[in-house]
């Protein structure tokens, strides 16, 4: 899938497009697509908007073996992923990233953040 198509599907999924959601979920088993989701999540080209947030959401649903190669890059993103850090934390928690655990705990803080439930869910992954 080309990046422009993926970005459009991510944006459409943000506005409850079931077709976009189905297409994105269908591609989660493809390593190239997961790599593209990581690229969009990292947003190093400053596209901003809804696509990075949605890419992080779908990454949290991807097979762990496909997200694991991106552990360090996602861990470094975690403190800066404003608005979608919870899904990045969940992705890292699902892979039981030892390096990310303390960062996830620190980001959760006192649990007052709007997405605290995602950080809590990420930390539960270590106890499974």
Protein backbone atom coordinates (compact mmCIF):
# COMPACT_ATOMS: atom_id res chain seq x y z
CA UNK A 1 0.00 0.00 0.00
CA UNK A 2 1.35 3.41 -0.88
CA UNK A 3 1.72 6.01 1.84
CA UNK A 4 -0.86 8.43 0.43
CA UNK A 5 -3.49 5.69 0.38
CA UNK A 6 -2.63 4.61 3.91
CA UNK A 7 -2.84 8.20 5.17
CA UNK A 8 -6.24 8.65 3.54
CA UNK A 9 -7.54 5.40 5.03
CA UNK A 10 -6.26 6.45 8.46
CA UNK A 11 -8.02 9.79 8.19
CA UNK A 12 -11.21 8.14 6.96
CA UNK A 13 -11.09 5.65 9.84
CA UNK A 14 -10.92 8.56 12.24
CA UNK A 15 -14.35 9.58 10.95
CA UNK A 16 -15.89 6.12 11.45
CA UNK A 17 -15.45 4.71 7.96
CA UNK A 18 -16.02 0.99 8.36
CA UNK A 19 -14.52 0.34 4.93
CA UNK A 20 -11.31 2.13 5.91
CA UNK A 21 -11.17 0.27 9.21
CA UNK A 22 -11.59 -3.09 7.46
CA UNK A 23 -8.87 -2.29 4.94
CA UNK A 24 -6.44 -1.15 7.64
CA UNK A 25 -7.10 -4.19 9.83
CA UNK A 26 -6.70 -6.50 6.83
CA UNK A 27 -3.21 -5.15 6.18
CA UNK A 28 -1.91 -5.44 9.77
CA UNK A 29 -0.24 -8.77 9.03
CA UNK A 30 1.98 -7.30 6.31
CA UNK A 31 5.43 -6.25 7.60
CA UNK A 32 5.67 -3.47 4.99
CA UNK A 33 2.36 -2.01 6.13
CA UNK A 34 3.35 -2.10 9.81
CA UNK A 35 6.58 -0.34 8.86
CA UNK A 36 4.53 2.31 7.07
CA UNK A 37 2.32 2.74 10.15
CA UNK A 38 5.45 3.30 12.24
CA UNK A 39 6.66 5.93 9.79
CA UNK A 40 3.31 7.73 9.93
CA UNK A 41 3.17 7.45 13.73
CA UNK A 42 6.65 8.94 14.12
CA UNK A 43 5.58 11.82 11.86
CA UNK A 44 9.14 12.94 11.27
CA UNK A 45 8.01 14.91 8.22
CA UNK A 46 5.52 16.91 10.34
CA UNK A 47 2.34 16.07 8.47
CA UNK A 48 0.49 16.20 11.81
CA UNK A 49 -3.29 15.84 11.64
CA UNK A 50 -5.25 12.66 12.32
CA UNK A 51 -3.05 10.15 10.50
CA UNK A 52 -0.29 9.76 13.17
CA UNK A 53 -2.86 9.30 15.92
CA UNK A 54 -4.75 6.67 13.93
CA UNK A 55 -1.54 4.96 12.85
CA UNK A 56 -0.61 4.57 16.53
CA UNK A 57 -4.05 3.10 17.22
CA UNK A 58 -3.67 0.46 14.50
CA UNK A 59 -0.09 -0.29 15.56
CA UNK A 60 -1.45 -1.22 18.97
CA UNK A 61 -3.47 -3.94 17.20
CA UNK A 62 -0.64 -5.25 15.00
CA UNK A 63 1.11 -8.56 15.70
CA UNK A 64 3.86 -8.06 18.27
CA UNK A 65 6.47 -9.77 16.11
CA UNK A 66 5.94 -7.09 13.44
CA UNK A 67 6.17 -4.13 15.85
CA UNK A 68 9.15 -5.43 17.86
CA UNK A 69 11.80 -4.22 15.36
CA UNK A 70 10.58 -0.65 15.99
CA UNK A 71 10.77 -0.83 19.79
CA UNK A 72 13.52 1.77 20.26
CA UNK A 73 12.01 4.30 17.88
CA UNK A 74 8.57 3.98 19.49
CA UNK A 75 10.05 4.20 23.00
CA UNK A 76 11.79 7.46 22.12
CA UNK A 77 8.51 8.80 20.70
CA UNK A 78 6.46 7.98 23.79
CA UNK A 79 7.04 11.21 25.79
CA UNK A 80 6.39 13.36 22.71
CA UNK A 81 3.33 11.61 21.24
CA UNK A 82 0.84 14.15 22.50
CA UNK A 83 -2.70 12.87 22.19
CA UNK A 84 -1.77 9.39 21.06
CA UNK A 85 0.95 8.30 23.46
CA UNK A 86 -1.42 5.82 25.06
CA UNK A 87 -1.55 3.71 21.93
CA UNK A 88 2.23 3.90 21.57
CA UNK A 89 2.49 2.76 25.21
CA UNK A 90 0.09 -0.09 24.52
CA UNK A 91 2.14 -1.22 21.52
CA UNK A 92 5.29 -1.20 23.68
CA UNK A 93 3.49 -2.96 26.52
CA UNK A 94 2.23 -5.69 24.20
CA UNK A 95 5.84 -6.38 23.19
CA UNK A 96 6.82 -6.33 26.90
CA UNK A 97 9.54 -3.80 26.20
CA UNK A 98 11.75 -3.78 29.28
CA UNK A 99 13.21 -0.42 28.29
CA UNK A 100 9.79 1.17 27.90
CA UNK A 101 8.24 -0.01 31.15
CA UNK A 102 9.71 2.78 33.29
CA UNK A 103 8.83 5.37 30.63
CA UNK A 104 5.24 4.10 30.53
CA UNK A 105 5.03 4.28 34.33
CA UNK A 106 6.48 7.79 34.34
CA UNK A 107 4.08 8.96 31.63
CA UNK A 108 1.12 7.50 33.52
CA UNK A 109 2.15 9.53 36.55
CA UNK A 110 -0.70 9.87 39.03
CA UNK A 111 -3.20 8.44 36.53
CA UNK A 112 -4.99 11.73 35.95
CA UNK A 113 -4.26 11.95 32.22
CA UNK A 114 -7.16 11.51 29.79
CA UNK A 115 -5.68 8.32 28.33
CA UNK A 116 -4.52 6.80 31.61
CA UNK A 117 -6.50 3.63 30.88
CA UNK A 118 -4.24 2.90 27.89
CA UNK A 119 -1.09 3.30 29.99
CA UNK A 120 -2.62 1.07 32.67
CA UNK A 121 -3.50 -1.51 30.02
CA UNK A 122 0.07 -1.29 28.69
CA UNK A 123 1.48 -1.99 32.16
CA UNK A 124 -0.88 -4.98 32.60
CA UNK A 125 0.77 -6.58 29.57
CA UNK A 126 3.92 -7.09 31.62
CA UNK A 127 2.03 -9.19 34.16
CA UNK A 128 0.50 -11.62 31.68
